[in-house]
Each structure stands twice: as C-alpha cells, then as structure tokens.
C-alpha cells in the first residue's frame, strides 16, 4: 500500500469516527462547561461556528493548545505585526485559562490588540473543522508543538491554506509509535509547508520519518516573563522577610514526598525555613495532603505555620513565586514520579532564579542543554538537600547561577524575528 493510500485509509476511518461522534460530543462539551472547562456562551466555537466577524484582509491563524504554548507565540505575533502593520491574527486555544492569558497579554497594547481575535478550536469533527476553515480562510495557519488533528490539517489542505508546524515535538516514545505507521506519518506531516523542530533531537526524529524539518531554537525561550500580581508579591515579600525560602515548582505525583523530606532535613539547619510547593495540577492538593500530612493551602487563603511547608494549589501564580523565591527546583523530574520528563526551565531563568531539576528531563533535553552551565541536576534527595543548603548559605553563588541563566536567555532574543520572517514568507 502506498503512503497516500495508507493515509487516505487512516483519514477515512478518522472521518467516519468523527462523523458519528457529534451526538456524544455535545453532552461532553456541556459537561465540561459545568466543570468550568468551557465557556457556556462560546460552546458553538467548539463546533466550528464563529462568534466574531472575520476582520478583512490577510489573517494569520495560530493554534496553541494551552498556557505554555500560547505564551510562547506572543513574541512571534508581535514581530509579524512589526513586519506588516495591517496584518490580522486569529489565535485559537483549547483551554479557558489560555483564552484569559491571550486577553490579558494583548490588552496592554491597544494598537496590536485591534488586530487580534480569539476563538476556541473546534473539535476534530470533519463538518466542524471544515466550517471553521471555510469561515476564517486564513492566509497561513501556524500550529504549535504537537497539535496534529488530521481532519483540521486536511481541511486546511482542501482550502489551499498553507500550514506550518513550529516548536514541533517528536519524542523518542512518539517516534517509535509514528515509525510503526511511517507512511501514514509521512503523508500527514508532508502536508505542512514548513516544520521547525523544537530541538536538534526532535529535528533528527522527524528526518528519520523522511520529513524535512528545520531547527532555529525552542520558542519557549523567547516567551515573555510570567505575569505577577505585584500587590500579592509585596505582601509576601514582607511576610517572608529575612526567612530562608525555596520553591518546588510544577511537582507531580510522589515528588511532594521527597520535597517534604528535604524540608525536614534542611529545617535542622534553618529553623525558620519556608518551603513552597506548587503542584503542576492544583486539583492534586488532596492527594498531596494524604501523602505528606495536613499543611496550609494558599487556595484556602492560609499562610505557612511553624511547620514551614506551604501548599500553593492555585492556578497562574508561578510568576509570583518565581519572583518571591530565587531558589527553584523544577518538578516532574525525580525518579520516583511515574511519568517524568521535566518542565520548562526558561520561565524561572528569566526571573533571576538559581535552578535545579531531577535528571528525568527527556521532554526538555535541548532546553537543559542550553542552560547546562546555569542549572544543577539533583537526581536524589541527598543531592537536592545539599544544593538547597548551598544556595541558602552562599548568596554569591546563588547570584552567579541566576546571572548566568539570564545571560543565556538574552542571547536568544533574535529567534522571534527569525521565525516570524520565515512564517511571513509562507503566506498565500
């Protein structure tokens, strides 16, 4: 079977599934709405029905699934607008939080905000995505990372809309799966006019599938600094003044146990120690408390007690805690967490933090390679305790690590312009 035939069979099957799902998907969307994962007045967007009039002229579409991806496109959108002040943009996302971030970010630029529209991406049902593409008719669609929805990509192809994939991810695990269906993978990926891989390793994996991919850099390194409530920051800085403080950010299942043990060990040397735990998924707070015992929770407006552990189970406040604490351990990286893979180190690097991580960081290999001289790998509790102790007692070394990370970030400033220039050249 040829690659075209294989992909046609796969797409036909996927379309058939998509064609019979709508009666089930509508109740599913209403259920998500009750859980505040959708906005009731905008559910029709998830079925491809526009809630805004299309702005006239050229329109570049960006799709970024959630918070990290959407923040990373802001500098590229800004550079594209600098190239062409008449350019309009449609940004689609899949989460309510990412919509609010789009709204918040562009509200500070009244001129550019006039050229920005937001919609929620339709679910990958043939009729819904075709309705979406037919209405918006973008001059270019830019998909971020790994949002490879076959019907959506096929709809762009049918309507002669060029599609680019930026910060494209293809981990070794995903590569093994794709390689088993290499012809289908090649046919799907060959519909993209340009693929810019997130790392050299991702680029290599794409090319092993026979797909040409460029590498310019990871766009998450050019994302703007995470936002922060300055009033909350000032209040907490006053509260923790002269107290040794460190942060365990974006922790996952089982990691909080290690953090709590590290806190207990460090507290012997630093009796007033404050250890802040920010789980990647705040809804895990009950699980965390079951594992390490009752502790104050920020979501309940509680502050640290004499125990010194503080569970900050809130959304969208990492920017606050990265500014509050200049000693940061990044989670999803210790060997005891089931999945692992690490998290984005660029966010704390931009906010003057000394950074450590476990060694389970395969999802961010290139990011950690770039920051190699500025990040300490702490593969176990002994190494973590030793690193936090050193950072707490040696302010100069802490400053050196933070400054080195900032210098590395500053060197990447041209990446947004390079990507924007290439994308602009792809427009129809």
Protein backbone atom coordinates (compact mmCIF):
# COMPACT_ATOMS: atom_id res chain seq x y z
CA UNK A 1 0.00 0.00 0.00
CA UNK A 2 1.40 3.44 -0.95
CA UNK A 3 1.84 6.19 1.64
CA UNK A 4 -1.00 8.13 0.00
CA UNK A 5 -3.32 5.10 0.12
CA UNK A 6 -2.37 4.35 3.74
CA UNK A 7 -3.04 7.92 4.81
CA UNK A 8 -6.30 8.00 2.85
CA UNK A 9 -7.45 4.86 4.67
CA UNK A 10 -6.46 6.32 8.03
CA UNK A 11 -8.13 9.65 7.28
CA UNK A 12 -11.29 7.94 6.00
CA UNK A 13 -11.50 5.90 9.23
CA UNK A 14 -10.87 9.01 11.36
CA UNK A 15 -13.51 10.94 9.42
CA UNK A 16 -16.03 8.15 9.92
CA UNK A 17 -15.39 8.19 13.65
CA UNK A 18 -15.70 12.00 13.66
CA UNK A 19 -18.93 11.86 11.69
CA UNK A 20 -20.74 9.68 14.25
CA UNK A 21 -19.38 11.37 17.40
CA UNK A 22 -21.26 14.75 17.43
CA UNK A 23 -24.33 13.41 19.31
CA UNK A 24 -21.93 12.31 22.07
CA UNK A 25 -19.63 15.32 21.91
CA UNK A 26 -22.35 17.89 22.56
CA UNK A 27 -23.23 16.46 26.02
CA UNK A 28 -19.50 16.10 26.65
CA UNK A 29 -19.00 19.82 25.98
CA UNK A 30 -21.91 20.73 28.26
CA UNK A 31 -20.38 18.57 30.98
CA UNK A 32 -17.05 20.39 30.57
CA UNK A 33 -18.96 23.65 30.82
CA UNK A 34 -20.36 22.64 34.21
CA UNK A 35 -16.80 21.96 35.37
CA UNK A 36 -15.79 25.44 34.12
CA UNK A 37 -13.53 23.94 31.45
CA UNK A 38 -15.60 25.62 28.72
CA UNK A 39 -17.45 28.95 28.46
CA UNK A 40 -21.18 28.37 28.03
CA UNK A 41 -21.76 31.26 25.66
CA UNK A 42 -18.95 30.06 23.40
CA UNK A 43 -19.61 26.34 23.11
CA UNK A 44 -20.60 26.84 19.46
CA UNK A 45 -16.98 27.70 18.66
CA UNK A 46 -16.05 24.12 19.57
CA UNK A 47 -18.37 23.10 16.72
CA UNK A 48 -16.68 25.45 14.25
CA UNK A 49 -19.24 28.25 14.44
CA UNK A 50 -17.62 31.66 14.65
CA UNK A 51 -18.70 34.07 17.38
CA UNK A 52 -16.87 37.04 15.84
CA UNK A 53 -16.91 38.66 12.39
CA UNK A 54 -13.75 37.98 10.41
CA UNK A 55 -11.55 41.05 10.00
CA UNK A 56 -10.96 41.95 6.34
CA UNK A 57 -7.61 41.37 4.71
CA UNK A 58 -4.81 38.93 5.44
CA UNK A 59 -5.32 36.73 8.52
CA UNK A 60 -2.64 34.54 10.11
CA UNK A 61 -4.02 31.78 12.33
CA UNK A 62 -2.08 30.46 15.34
CA UNK A 63 -3.24 27.42 17.26
CA UNK A 64 -1.68 26.85 20.69
CA UNK A 65 -3.36 24.20 22.82
CA UNK A 66 -2.78 25.56 26.31
CA UNK A 67 -0.95 28.05 28.51
CA UNK A 68 2.74 27.31 27.83
CA UNK A 69 2.26 27.12 24.08
CA UNK A 70 0.13 30.25 23.82
CA UNK A 71 2.57 32.37 25.85
CA UNK A 72 5.41 31.27 23.57
CA UNK A 73 3.76 32.66 20.42
CA UNK A 74 3.33 36.21 21.74
CA UNK A 75 6.80 37.46 20.65
CA UNK A 76 6.30 35.92 17.18
CA UNK A 77 2.91 37.61 16.74
CA UNK A 78 4.49 40.91 17.79
CA UNK A 79 7.34 40.50 15.28
CA UNK A 80 4.88 39.65 12.48
CA UNK A 81 2.93 42.80 13.30
CA UNK A 82 6.13 44.83 13.10
CA UNK A 83 6.72 43.40 9.61
CA UNK A 84 3.17 44.27 8.46
CA UNK A 85 1.04 46.72 10.46
CA UNK A 86 -2.06 45.66 8.50
CA UNK A 87 -1.71 42.00 9.44
CA UNK A 88 -4.59 40.43 11.38
CA UNK A 89 -4.33 37.40 13.66
CA UNK A 90 -6.68 34.67 14.83
CA UNK A 91 -5.47 32.81 17.91
CA UNK A 92 -7.20 29.55 18.82
CA UNK A 93 -6.71 27.65 22.06
CA UNK A 94 -8.23 24.65 23.77
CA UNK A 95 -8.49 25.87 27.36
CA UNK A 96 -10.30 28.68 29.15
CA UNK A 97 -7.14 29.67 31.04
CA UNK A 98 -5.20 30.17 27.81
CA UNK A 99 -8.01 32.37 26.44
CA UNK A 100 -7.75 34.64 29.50
CA UNK A 101 -3.96 34.83 29.04
CA UNK A 102 -4.40 35.92 25.40
CA UNK A 103 -6.93 38.53 26.51
CA UNK A 104 -4.71 39.80 29.31
CA UNK A 105 -1.49 39.93 27.27
CA UNK A 106 -2.76 41.93 24.31
CA UNK A 107 -4.89 44.31 26.38
CA UNK A 108 -1.67 46.16 27.26
CA UNK A 109 -1.06 47.01 23.57
CA UNK A 110 -4.11 48.87 22.27
CA UNK A 111 -2.75 49.13 18.70
CA UNK A 112 -1.90 45.43 18.26
CA UNK A 113 -4.99 44.24 20.17
CA UNK A 114 -7.17 45.72 17.38
CA UNK A 115 -5.65 43.08 15.08
CA UNK A 116 -6.12 40.09 17.42
CA UNK A 117 -9.14 37.78 17.59
CA UNK A 118 -9.58 34.66 19.71
CA UNK A 119 -11.70 31.57 19.19
CA UNK A 120 -11.73 28.13 20.79
CA UNK A 121 -10.51 25.46 18.41
CA UNK A 122 -13.29 23.18 17.09
CA UNK A 123 -13.14 19.51 17.97
CA UNK A 124 -11.74 17.39 15.14
CA UNK A 125 -15.08 16.56 13.51
CA UNK A 126 -14.98 16.89 9.69
CA UNK A 127 -18.05 19.11 9.40
CA UNK A 128 -16.97 21.33 12.32
CA UNK A 129 -13.39 21.93 11.18
CA UNK A 130 -14.49 22.48 7.58
CA UNK A 131 -16.98 25.11 8.81
CA UNK A 132 -14.17 26.77 10.79
CA UNK A 133 -11.68 26.89 7.89
CA UNK A 134 -14.34 27.98 5.36
CA UNK A 135 -15.34 30.93 7.52
CA UNK A 136 -11.92 32.21 8.59
CA UNK A 137 -9.95 31.43 5.38
CA UNK A 138 -6.54 32.26 6.87
CA UNK A 139 -3.59 33.22 4.69
CA UNK A 140 -1.48 30.89 6.83
CA UNK A 141 -2.14 28.53 9.74
CA UNK A 142 0.60 28.03 12.35
CA UNK A 143 0.26 25.07 14.70
CA UNK A 144 2.39 24.90 17.84
CA UNK A 145 4.17 21.76 19.06
CA UNK A 146 2.13 18.57 18.57
CA UNK A 147 -1.50 19.51 17.86
CA UNK A 148 -1.77 17.20 14.86
CA UNK A 149 -5.52 16.88 14.28
CA UNK A 150 -5.93 15.01 10.94
CA UNK A 151 -9.31 16.48 9.92
CA UNK A 152 -8.22 20.02 10.68
CA UNK A 153 -4.99 19.63 8.72
CA UNK A 154 -6.90 18.03 5.84
CA UNK A 155 -9.41 20.91 5.86
CA UNK A 156 -6.59 23.44 5.54
CA UNK A 157 -5.15 21.42 2.66
CA UNK A 158 -8.57 21.25 0.90
CA UNK A 159 -8.93 25.04 1.17
CA UNK A 160 -5.35 25.64 -0.05
CA UNK A 161 -4.26 27.19 3.25
CA UNK A 162 -0.51 26.72 3.86
CA UNK A 163 0.21 25.19 7.27
CA UNK A 164 3.37 25.48 9.39
CA UNK A 165 4.28 23.48 12.49
CA UNK A 166 6.54 25.35 14.92
CA UNK A 167 8.31 24.13 18.04
CA UNK A 168 7.45 20.72 16.65
CA UNK A 169 7.88 17.90 19.16
CA UNK A 170 8.64 14.27 18.36
CA UNK A 171 9.96 12.49 21.45
CA UNK A 172 11.63 9.10 21.18
CA UNK A 173 8.48 7.47 22.56
CA UNK A 174 6.27 9.20 19.96
CA UNK A 175 8.79 8.45 17.23
CA UNK A 176 8.57 4.70 17.91
CA UNK A 177 4.79 4.86 17.55
CA UNK A 178 4.91 7.01 14.41
CA UNK A 179 7.61 4.80 12.88
CA UNK A 180 5.30 1.79 13.01
CA UNK A 181 2.97 3.78 10.73
CA UNK A 182 5.70 5.59 8.82
CA UNK A 183 3.78 6.02 5.56
CA UNK A 184 0.76 7.49 7.34
CA UNK A 185 3.00 9.77 9.42
CA UNK A 186 4.87 10.95 6.32
CA UNK A 187 1.64 11.68 4.43
CA UNK A 188 0.21 13.68 7.33
CA UNK A 189 3.39 15.62 8.08
CA UNK A 190 4.15 16.29 4.42
CA UNK A 191 1.04 18.50 4.32
CA UNK A 192 2.98 21.09 6.32
CA UNK A 193 4.75 23.70 4.24
CA UNK A 194 7.35 24.25 6.96
CA UNK A 195 8.24 22.34 10.12
CA UNK A 196 10.50 23.98 12.71
CA UNK A 197 11.58 21.44 15.32
CA UNK A 198 11.85 22.33 18.99
CA UNK A 199 15.31 20.76 19.34
CA UNK A 200 18.04 19.13 17.29
CA UNK A 201 16.90 15.75 18.60
CA UNK A 202 13.30 16.39 17.52
CA UNK A 203 14.62 17.50 14.12
CA UNK A 204 16.54 14.22 13.83
CA UNK A 205 13.43 12.17 14.67
CA UNK A 206 11.36 13.99 12.03
CA UNK A 207 14.03 13.38 9.43
CA UNK A 208 14.14 9.68 10.36
CA UNK A 209 10.50 9.61 9.25
CA UNK A 210 11.56 11.14 5.94
CA UNK A 211 10.14 14.57 6.81
CA UNK A 212 12.24 17.69 6.32
CA UNK A 213 12.44 19.84 9.44
CA UNK A 214 14.38 22.98 10.30
CA UNK A 215 15.82 23.88 13.69
CA UNK A 216 16.04 27.50 14.83
CA UNK A 217 15.50 27.10 18.58
CA UNK A 218 12.87 26.43 21.23
CA UNK A 219 10.31 29.26 21.15
CA UNK A 220 9.60 28.83 24.85
CA UNK A 221 12.93 30.53 25.48
CA UNK A 222 11.57 33.75 23.93
CA UNK A 223 8.20 33.72 25.72
CA UNK A 224 7.58 36.84 27.82
CA UNK A 225 8.11 36.68 31.57
CA UNK A 226 5.26 35.10 33.51
CA UNK A 227 2.90 37.73 34.90
CA UNK A 228 2.59 38.57 38.57
CA UNK A 229 0.24 40.33 41.00
CA UNK A 230 2.60 42.98 42.40
CA UNK A 231 0.42 43.67 45.42
CA UNK A 232 0.48 39.96 46.37
CA UNK A 233 4.24 39.87 45.77
CA UNK A 234 4.91 42.87 48.01
CA UNK A 235 2.73 41.37 50.74
CA UNK A 236 4.52 38.01 50.66
CA UNK A 237 7.97 39.60 50.48
CA UNK A 238 7.14 41.49 53.66
CA UNK A 239 5.80 38.33 55.32
CA UNK A 240 8.88 36.24 54.46
CA UNK A 241 11.47 38.97 55.00
CA UNK A 242 14.73 37.51 56.39
CA UNK A 243 13.32 33.96 56.31
CA UNK A 244 15.14 31.33 54.20
CA UNK A 245 12.77 30.33 51.39
CA UNK A 246 12.84 27.98 48.43
CA UNK A 247 10.33 26.73 45.86
CA UNK A 248 9.45 23.32 44.44
CA UNK A 249 7.60 24.22 41.23
CA UNK A 250 5.36 22.10 38.98
CA UNK A 251 5.65 18.98 41.13
CA UNK A 252 3.96 15.73 40.14
CA UNK A 253 2.75 12.57 41.87
CA UNK A 254 5.09 11.30 44.62
CA UNK A 255 7.56 14.20 44.28
CA UNK A 256 5.99 16.12 47.17
CA UNK A 257 7.06 13.28 49.50
CA UNK A 258 10.71 13.93 48.58
CA UNK A 259 10.24 17.70 48.93
CA UNK A 260 8.73 17.26 52.41
CA UNK A 261 11.65 15.00 53.45
CA UNK A 262 14.15 17.54 52.09
CA UNK A 263 12.36 20.28 54.03
CA UNK A 264 12.59 18.23 57.24
CA UNK A 265 16.33 17.70 56.76
CA UNK A 266 17.02 21.37 55.96
CA UNK A 267 14.94 22.64 58.85
CA UNK A 268 17.54 21.29 61.28
CA UNK A 269 19.95 23.93 59.92
CA UNK A 270 17.35 26.57 59.04
CA UNK A 271 14.63 26.51 61.75
CA UNK A 272 12.60 29.29 60.05
CA UNK A 273 12.77 27.65 56.61
CA UNK A 274 9.80 28.17 54.27
CA UNK A 275 9.36 25.52 51.56
CA UNK A 276 6.73 26.39 48.96
CA UNK A 277 5.21 23.53 46.95
CA UNK A 278 3.35 24.40 43.75
CA UNK A 279 1.83 21.24 42.18
CA UNK A 280 1.59 21.28 38.41
CA UNK A 281 -2.07 20.31 38.79
CA UNK A 282 -3.65 22.17 41.74
CA UNK A 283 -6.52 19.68 41.90
CA UNK A 284 -4.00 17.18 43.33
CA UNK A 285 -3.95 19.06 46.64
CA UNK A 286 -5.99 16.36 48.43
CA UNK A 287 -3.60 13.68 47.18
CA UNK A 288 -0.60 15.73 48.35
CA UNK A 289 -2.06 16.18 51.84
CA UNK A 290 -2.83 12.45 52.07
CA UNK A 291 0.83 11.69 51.30
CA UNK A 292 2.67 14.25 53.44
CA UNK A 293 0.10 15.32 56.05
CA UNK A 294 -2.04 18.37 56.60
CA UNK A 295 -0.42 21.69 55.66
CA UNK A 296 -1.58 25.25 54.94
CA UNK A 297 -3.10 25.82 51.48
CA UNK A 298 -2.99 29.06 49.52
CA UNK A 299 -6.27 28.20 47.78
CA UNK A 300 -7.92 28.43 51.21
CA UNK A 301 -6.12 31.76 51.92
CA UNK A 302 -3.95 30.04 54.54
CA UNK A 303 -0.36 31.12 55.25
CA UNK A 304 2.60 28.98 56.37
CA UNK A 305 2.59 27.92 60.01
CA UNK A 306 5.53 26.94 62.23
CA UNK A 307 5.98 23.76 60.18
CA UNK A 308 7.24 25.87 57.27
CA UNK A 309 5.65 23.86 54.42
CA UNK A 310 3.15 25.76 52.25
CA UNK A 311 1.00 24.16 49.54
CA UNK A 312 0.22 26.75 46.87
CA UNK A 313 -2.54 24.96 44.99
CA UNK A 314 -3.61 27.84 42.77
CA UNK A 315 -3.54 28.40 39.01
CA UNK A 316 -1.47 31.00 37.17
CA UNK A 317 0.75 32.14 40.05
CA UNK A 318 4.13 30.68 39.12
CA UNK A 319 5.27 34.15 38.04
CA UNK A 320 4.57 35.34 41.57
CA UNK A 321 6.50 32.51 43.23
CA UNK A 322 9.47 32.71 40.84
CA UNK A 323 9.83 36.37 41.86
CA UNK A 324 9.37 35.58 45.53
CA UNK A 325 11.92 32.72 45.62
CA UNK A 326 15.27 32.83 43.84
CA UNK A 327 15.99 29.17 44.69
CA UNK A 328 13.82 26.94 42.48
CA UNK A 329 13.56 23.19 41.98
CA UNK A 330 11.55 22.20 38.88
CA UNK A 331 9.44 19.07 39.23
CA UNK A 332 8.25 16.22 37.02
CA UNK A 333 11.91 15.23 37.04
CA UNK A 334 12.59 12.99 40.05
CA UNK A 335 12.89 9.25 39.57
CA UNK A 336 10.01 8.47 41.93
CA UNK A 337 7.41 10.26 39.80
CA UNK A 338 5.69 7.75 37.47
CA UNK A 339 5.95 9.64 34.19
CA UNK A 340 8.57 12.38 34.40
CA UNK A 341 10.08 14.36 31.53
CA UNK A 342 10.72 17.70 33.23
CA UNK A 343 9.20 21.14 32.76
CA UNK A 344 10.17 24.41 31.12
CA UNK A 345 13.32 25.88 32.80
CA UNK A 346 13.21 29.10 30.75
CA UNK A 347 10.45 30.64 32.90
CA UNK A 348 12.47 30.78 36.16
CA UNK A 349 15.68 31.52 34.23
CA UNK A 350 14.17 34.80 33.01
CA UNK A 351 13.18 35.78 36.55
CA UNK A 352 16.63 35.69 38.15
CA UNK A 353 16.39 32.25 39.79
CA UNK A 354 19.02 29.67 40.65
CA UNK A 355 17.57 26.44 39.22
CA UNK A 356 17.78 22.73 39.95
CA UNK A 357 15.99 19.74 38.48
CA UNK A 358 15.95 15.98 38.77
CA UNK A 359 17.52 14.02 35.92
CA UNK A 360 14.26 12.77 34.36
CA UNK A 361 14.10 15.63 31.84
CA UNK A 362 13.83 13.94 28.45
CA UNK A 363 10.99 16.23 27.28
CA UNK A 364 13.25 19.28 27.65
CA UNK A 365 16.67 17.92 26.69
CA UNK A 366 17.59 20.84 24.45
CA UNK A 367 16.42 23.45 26.98
CA UNK A 368 18.55 21.93 29.71
CA UNK A 369 21.47 21.55 27.33
CA UNK A 370 21.24 25.27 26.55
CA UNK A 371 21.11 26.12 30.28
CA UNK A 372 23.65 23.45 31.24
CA UNK A 373 26.04 25.88 32.96
CA UNK A 374 23.22 27.53 34.92
CA UNK A 375 21.18 24.52 36.12
CA UNK A 376 22.13 21.92 38.75
CA UNK A 377 20.89 18.36 38.34
CA UNK A 378 19.85 16.83 41.67
CA UNK A 379 18.94 13.18 40.98
CA UNK A 380 18.08 12.24 44.58
CA UNK A 381 17.09 13.71 47.92
CA UNK A 382 20.68 13.90 49.18
CA UNK A 383 21.74 15.98 46.18
CA UNK A 384 18.65 18.17 46.46
CA UNK A 385 19.24 18.88 50.17
CA UNK A 386 22.89 19.67 49.52
CA UNK A 387 22.02 22.07 46.67
CA UNK A 388 19.33 23.96 48.59
CA UNK A 389 21.68 24.21 51.59
CA UNK A 390 24.45 25.64 49.38
CA UNK A 391 22.10 28.14 47.74
CA UNK A 392 20.73 29.29 51.11
CA UNK A 393 24.13 29.83 52.70
CA UNK A 394 26.05 31.14 49.68
CA UNK A 395 24.26 34.19 48.23
CA UNK A 396 27.10 34.95 45.80
CA UNK A 397 26.96 31.50 44.23
CA UNK A 398 23.17 31.81 44.02
CA UNK A 399 23.57 35.16 42.24
CA UNK A 400 26.18 33.73 39.85
CA UNK A 401 23.83 30.93 38.76
CA UNK A 402 20.93 33.35 38.29
CA UNK A 403 23.02 35.81 36.25
CA UNK A 404 24.38 33.05 34.04
CA UNK A 405 20.82 31.89 33.24
CA UNK A 406 19.79 35.47 32.39
CA UNK A 407 22.79 35.91 30.06
CA UNK A 408 21.90 32.72 28.18
CA UNK A 409 18.30 33.91 27.79
CA UNK A 410 19.42 37.29 26.45
CA UNK A 411 21.43 35.59 23.70
CA UNK A 412 18.24 34.09 22.21
CA UNK A 413 16.48 37.41 21.51
CA UNK A 414 16.66 37.18 17.68
CA UNK A 415 14.77 33.89 17.47
CA UNK A 416 11.29 35.50 17.37
CA UNK A 417 12.27 37.70 14.41
CA UNK A 418 13.82 34.78 12.50
CA UNK A 419 10.69 32.62 12.89
CA UNK A 420 8.31 35.49 12.12
CA UNK A 421 10.22 36.38 8.93
CA UNK A 422 10.04 32.82 7.68
CA UNK A 423 6.35 32.48 8.52
CA UNK A 424 5.52 35.73 6.72
CA UNK A 425 7.16 34.39 3.58
CA UNK A 426 4.80 31.35 3.61
CA UNK A 427 1.54 33.31 3.37
CA UNK A 428 -0.71 32.93 0.35
